[in-house]
């Protein structure tokens, strides 16, 4: 019978228990094998102490994936997790010209919105699409503020 590898950690200056005994996944969270299943160490520890987390996420107040200090962990929904991520500036969402698929500048978007056909004056969707070499739906999404909504 194979022995269970103990969980070993070191305490950093922020009070984080940094797991040094188990390899992390691509996101930096250390994994452990228990009962034939690979699990995140922090989830396994939480469930040993507090029971099931079914349907909920474990959120780190310290933003350190390798931390297994249960005092730094609280339960939350996926929405809670995304809200905390964005509030802390860790969101990877890019908008406008910073988005990797952006084909227009902010000035071009303003031009489209200011010159769209209103009351018989201006350019129609087809003309704007041809002018900027993008699709008519893309023009419509800009005008209706479905896209580039952060731009006033």
C-alpha atoms as a PDB file:
ATOM      1  CA  UNK A   1       0.000   0.000   0.000  1.00  0.00           C
ATOM      2  CA  UNK A   2       1.281   3.435  -0.964  1.00  0.00           C
ATOM      3  CA  UNK A   3       1.488   6.107   1.704  1.00  0.00           C
ATOM      4  CA  UNK A   4      -0.317   9.419   1.340  1.00  0.00           C
ATOM      5  CA  UNK A   5       1.976  12.317   0.557  1.00  0.00           C
ATOM      6  CA  UNK A   6       1.699  14.909   3.345  1.00  0.00           C
ATOM      7  CA  UNK A   7       0.761  18.497   2.583  1.00  0.00           C
ATOM      8  CA  UNK A   8       3.701  20.780   3.350  1.00  0.00           C
ATOM      9  CA  UNK A   9       3.579  24.566   3.266  1.00  0.00           C
ATOM     10  CA  UNK A  10       5.600  27.615   4.220  1.00  0.00           C
ATOM     11  CA  UNK A  11       4.121  30.818   5.669  1.00  0.00           C
ATOM     12  CA  UNK A  12       4.838  34.012   3.743  1.00  0.00           C
ATOM     13  CA  UNK A  13       4.803  37.629   4.978  1.00  0.00           C
ATOM     14  CA  UNK A  14       1.063  37.959   4.182  1.00  0.00           C
ATOM     15  CA  UNK A  15       0.086  34.949   6.269  1.00  0.00           C
ATOM     16  CA  UNK A  16      -0.430  32.781   3.211  1.00  0.00           C
ATOM     17  CA  UNK A  17       0.286  29.079   3.616  1.00  0.00           C
ATOM     18  CA  UNK A  18       2.144  28.448   0.358  1.00  0.00           C
ATOM     19  CA  UNK A  19       1.837  24.783  -0.584  1.00  0.00           C
ATOM     20  CA  UNK A  20       5.297  23.475  -1.504  1.00  0.00           C
ATOM     21  CA  UNK A  21       4.599  19.750  -1.470  1.00  0.00           C
ATOM     22  CA  UNK A  22       2.242  19.400  -4.437  1.00  0.00           C
ATOM     23  CA  UNK A  23       2.619  20.511  -8.041  1.00  0.00           C
ATOM     24  CA  UNK A  24       0.350  23.293  -9.305  1.00  0.00           C
ATOM     25  CA  UNK A  25      -1.879  23.138 -12.362  1.00  0.00           C
ATOM     26  CA  UNK A  26      -1.728  25.690 -15.193  1.00  0.00           C
ATOM     27  CA  UNK A  27      -3.586  28.235 -13.046  1.00  0.00           C
ATOM     28  CA  UNK A  28      -1.144  27.853 -10.165  1.00  0.00           C
ATOM     29  CA  UNK A  29      -3.397  25.826  -7.836  1.00  0.00           C
ATOM     30  CA  UNK A  30      -1.683  22.819  -6.189  1.00  0.00           C
ATOM     31  CA  UNK A  31      -3.340  19.445  -6.767  1.00  0.00           C
ATOM     32  CA  UNK A  32      -3.569  16.349  -4.608  1.00  0.00           C
ATOM     33  CA  UNK A  33      -4.752  12.820  -5.299  1.00  0.00           C
ATOM     34  CA  UNK A  34      -7.286  11.496  -2.804  1.00  0.00           C
ATOM     35  CA  UNK A  35      -9.592   8.509  -3.251  1.00  0.00           C
ATOM     36  CA  UNK A  36      -8.360   8.083  -6.812  1.00  0.00           C
ATOM     37  CA  UNK A  37      -9.325  11.642  -7.830  1.00  0.00           C
ATOM     38  CA  UNK A  38      -7.190  14.677  -8.504  1.00  0.00           C
ATOM     39  CA  UNK A  39      -8.446  17.615  -6.425  1.00  0.00           C
ATOM     40  CA  UNK A  40      -7.215  21.067  -5.587  1.00  0.00           C
ATOM     41  CA  UNK A  41      -5.457  20.933  -2.234  1.00  0.00           C
ATOM     42  CA  UNK A  42      -7.356  23.915  -0.840  1.00  0.00           C
ATOM     43  CA  UNK A  43     -10.734  22.403  -1.804  1.00  0.00           C
ATOM     44  CA  UNK A  44      -9.820  19.076  -0.238  1.00  0.00           C
ATOM     45  CA  UNK A  45      -8.725  20.820   2.990  1.00  0.00           C
ATOM     46  CA  UNK A  46     -11.890  22.968   3.043  1.00  0.00           C
ATOM     47  CA  UNK A  47     -14.154  19.975   2.597  1.00  0.00           C
ATOM     48  CA  UNK A  48     -12.331  18.041   5.323  1.00  0.00           C
ATOM     49  CA  UNK A  49     -13.023  20.891   7.746  1.00  0.00           C
ATOM     50  CA  UNK A  50     -16.359  22.321   6.536  1.00  0.00           C
ATOM     51  CA  UNK A  51     -18.068  19.739   4.323  1.00  0.00           C
ATOM     52  CA  UNK A  52     -19.146  19.891   0.688  1.00  0.00           C
ATOM     53  CA  UNK A  53     -18.863  23.008  -1.447  1.00  0.00           C
ATOM     54  CA  UNK A  54     -21.298  21.685  -4.029  1.00  0.00           C
ATOM     55  CA  UNK A  55     -22.101  24.357  -6.611  1.00  0.00           C
ATOM     56  CA  UNK A  56     -19.911  27.001  -4.994  1.00  0.00           C
ATOM     57  CA  UNK A  57     -16.447  28.370  -5.610  1.00  0.00           C
ATOM     58  CA  UNK A  58     -13.673  28.811  -3.077  1.00  0.00           C
ATOM     59  CA  UNK A  59     -12.552  32.428  -3.299  1.00  0.00           C
ATOM     60  CA  UNK A  60      -9.124  33.594  -2.160  1.00  0.00           C
ATOM     61  CA  UNK A  61      -9.084  36.897  -0.287  1.00  0.00           C
ATOM     62  CA  UNK A  62      -5.306  36.965  -0.792  1.00  0.00           C
ATOM     63  CA  UNK A  63      -5.329  36.339  -4.581  1.00  0.00           C
ATOM     64  CA  UNK A  64      -2.587  33.731  -4.192  1.00  0.00           C
ATOM     65  CA  UNK A  65      -3.466  30.442  -5.947  1.00  0.00           C
ATOM     66  CA  UNK A  66      -0.837  28.449  -4.020  1.00  0.00           C
ATOM     67  CA  UNK A  67      -2.227  29.641  -0.657  1.00  0.00           C
ATOM     68  CA  UNK A  68      -3.999  26.908   1.317  1.00  0.00           C
ATOM     69  CA  UNK A  69      -4.696  28.977   4.462  1.00  0.00           C
ATOM     70  CA  UNK A  70      -8.403  28.407   5.071  1.00  0.00           C
ATOM     71  CA  UNK A  71      -8.620  31.784   6.833  1.00  0.00           C
ATOM     72  CA  UNK A  72      -7.975  33.327   3.396  1.00  0.00           C
ATOM     73  CA  UNK A  73     -10.810  31.359   1.767  1.00  0.00           C
ATOM     74  CA  UNK A  74     -14.534  32.034   1.585  1.00  0.00           C
ATOM     75  CA  UNK A  75     -17.384  30.512  -0.395  1.00  0.00           C
ATOM     76  CA  UNK A  76     -19.053  32.316  -3.268  1.00  0.00           C
ATOM     77  CA  UNK A  77     -20.799  31.902  -6.586  1.00  0.00           C
ATOM     78  CA  UNK A  78     -19.178  32.183  -9.996  1.00  0.00           C
ATOM     79  CA  UNK A  79     -20.648  35.693 -10.218  1.00  0.00           C
ATOM     80  CA  UNK A  80     -19.038  36.592  -6.861  1.00  0.00           C
ATOM     81  CA  UNK A  81     -15.705  35.302  -8.155  1.00  0.00           C
ATOM     82  CA  UNK A  82     -15.911  37.375 -11.351  1.00  0.00           C
ATOM     83  CA  UNK A  83     -16.951  40.468  -9.378  1.00  0.00           C
ATOM     84  CA  UNK A  84     -13.967  40.113  -7.024  1.00  0.00           C
ATOM     85  CA  UNK A  85     -11.643  39.527  -9.987  1.00  0.00           C
ATOM     86  CA  UNK A  86     -12.805  42.685 -11.730  1.00  0.00           C
ATOM     87  CA  UNK A  87     -12.837  44.765  -8.521  1.00  0.00           C
ATOM     88  CA  UNK A  88      -9.189  43.842  -7.947  1.00  0.00           C
ATOM     89  CA  UNK A  89      -8.219  44.652 -11.528  1.00  0.00           C
ATOM     90  CA  UNK A  90      -7.320  41.103 -12.455  1.00  0.00           C
ATOM     91  CA  UNK A  91      -9.885  40.764 -15.243  1.00  0.00           C
ATOM     92  CA  UNK A  92      -8.364  40.013 -18.594  1.00  0.00           C
ATOM     93  CA  UNK A  93     -11.204  41.525 -20.574  1.00  0.00           C
ATOM     94  CA  UNK A  94      -9.969  43.987 -23.172  1.00  0.00           C
ATOM     95  CA  UNK A  95     -12.247  46.616 -24.654  1.00  0.00           C
ATOM     96  CA  UNK A  96     -12.052  48.938 -27.628  1.00  0.00           C
ATOM     97  CA  UNK A  97      -8.715  49.336 -29.323  1.00  0.00           C
ATOM     98  CA  UNK A  98      -7.098  47.085 -26.685  1.00  0.00           C
ATOM     99  CA  UNK A  99      -9.149  44.089 -27.821  1.00  0.00           C
ATOM    100  CA  UNK A 100      -7.105  41.776 -30.018  1.00  0.00           C
ATOM    101  CA  UNK A 101      -9.800  41.735 -32.723  1.00  0.00           C
ATOM    102  CA  UNK A 102     -10.322  45.504 -32.876  1.00  0.00           C
ATOM    103  CA  UNK A 103     -10.418  46.831 -36.432  1.00  0.00           C
ATOM    104  CA  UNK A 104     -11.412  50.416 -35.646  1.00  0.00           C
ATOM    105  CA  UNK A 105     -10.064  53.269 -33.591  1.00  0.00           C
ATOM    106  CA  UNK A 106     -12.168  55.274 -31.146  1.00  0.00           C
ATOM    107  CA  UNK A 107     -12.251  58.179 -33.606  1.00  0.00           C
ATOM    108  CA  UNK A 108     -13.625  55.892 -36.328  1.00  0.00           C
ATOM    109  CA  UNK A 109     -16.348  54.629 -33.989  1.00  0.00           C
ATOM    110  CA  UNK A 110     -17.310  58.213 -33.141  1.00  0.00           C
ATOM    111  CA  UNK A 111     -17.414  59.020 -36.867  1.00  0.00           C
ATOM    112  CA  UNK A 112     -19.747  56.073 -37.495  1.00  0.00           C
ATOM    113  CA  UNK A 113     -22.090  57.120 -34.697  1.00  0.00           C
ATOM    114  CA  UNK A 114     -22.079  60.770 -35.724  1.00  0.00           C
ATOM    115  CA  UNK A 115     -22.588  60.119 -39.436  1.00  0.00           C
ATOM    116  CA  UNK A 116     -25.164  57.350 -39.434  1.00  0.00           C
ATOM    117  CA  UNK A 117     -28.224  58.137 -41.526  1.00  0.00           C
ATOM    118  CA  UNK A 118     -30.709  60.114 -39.444  1.00  0.00           C
ATOM    119  CA  UNK A 119     -33.739  61.852 -40.952  1.00  0.00           C
ATOM    120  CA  UNK A 120     -32.437  61.335 -44.480  1.00  0.00           C
ATOM    121  CA  UNK A 121     -28.977  62.806 -43.832  1.00  0.00           C
ATOM    122  CA  UNK A 122     -25.730  60.896 -43.428  1.00  0.00           C
ATOM    123  CA  UNK A 123     -24.516  57.452 -44.451  1.00  0.00           C
ATOM    124  CA  UNK A 124     -26.446  54.191 -44.318  1.00  0.00           C
ATOM    125  CA  UNK A 125     -25.170  50.875 -42.904  1.00  0.00           C
ATOM    126  CA  UNK A 126     -23.904  49.661 -46.286  1.00  0.00           C
ATOM    127  CA  UNK A 127     -21.971  52.859 -46.992  1.00  0.00           C
ATOM    128  CA  UNK A 128     -20.364  52.890 -43.540  1.00  0.00           C
ATOM    129  CA  UNK A 129     -19.485  49.182 -43.825  1.00  0.00           C
ATOM    130  CA  UNK A 130     -17.795  49.747 -47.175  1.00  0.00           C
ATOM    131  CA  UNK A 131     -16.001  52.859 -45.935  1.00  0.00           C
ATOM    132  CA  UNK A 132     -14.411  50.996 -42.996  1.00  0.00           C
ATOM    133  CA  UNK A 133     -14.217  47.553 -44.631  1.00  0.00           C
ATOM    134  CA  UNK A 134     -16.303  45.854 -41.930  1.00  0.00           C
ATOM    135  CA  UNK A 135     -19.678  44.111 -41.997  1.00  0.00           C
ATOM    136  CA  UNK A 136     -23.096  45.783 -41.810  1.00  0.00           C
ATOM    137  CA  UNK A 137     -23.898  43.930 -38.552  1.00  0.00           C
ATOM    138  CA  UNK A 138     -20.676  45.326 -37.055  1.00  0.00           C
ATOM    139  CA  UNK A 139     -21.822  48.844 -37.975  1.00  0.00           C
ATOM    140  CA  UNK A 140     -25.258  48.174 -36.497  1.00  0.00           C
ATOM    141  CA  UNK A 141     -23.714  46.911 -33.230  1.00  0.00           C
ATOM    142  CA  UNK A 142     -21.610  50.079 -32.994  1.00  0.00           C
ATOM    143  CA  UNK A 143     -24.586  52.369 -33.627  1.00  0.00           C
ATOM    144  CA  UNK A 144     -26.828  50.501 -31.186  1.00  0.00           C
ATOM    145  CA  UNK A 145     -23.975  50.473 -28.629  1.00  0.00           C
ATOM    146  CA  UNK A 146     -23.907  46.690 -28.387  1.00  0.00           C
ATOM    147  CA  UNK A 147     -20.220  47.019 -29.254  1.00  0.00           C
ATOM    148  CA  UNK A 148     -17.952  49.838 -28.079  1.00  0.00           C
ATOM    149  CA  UNK A 149     -20.452  50.603 -25.295  1.00  0.00           C
ATOM    150  CA  UNK A 150     -17.646  51.966 -23.101  1.00  0.00           C
ATOM    151  CA  UNK A 151     -17.139  54.781 -25.612  1.00  0.00           C
ATOM    152  CA  UNK A 152     -19.413  57.769 -25.055  1.00  0.00           C
END
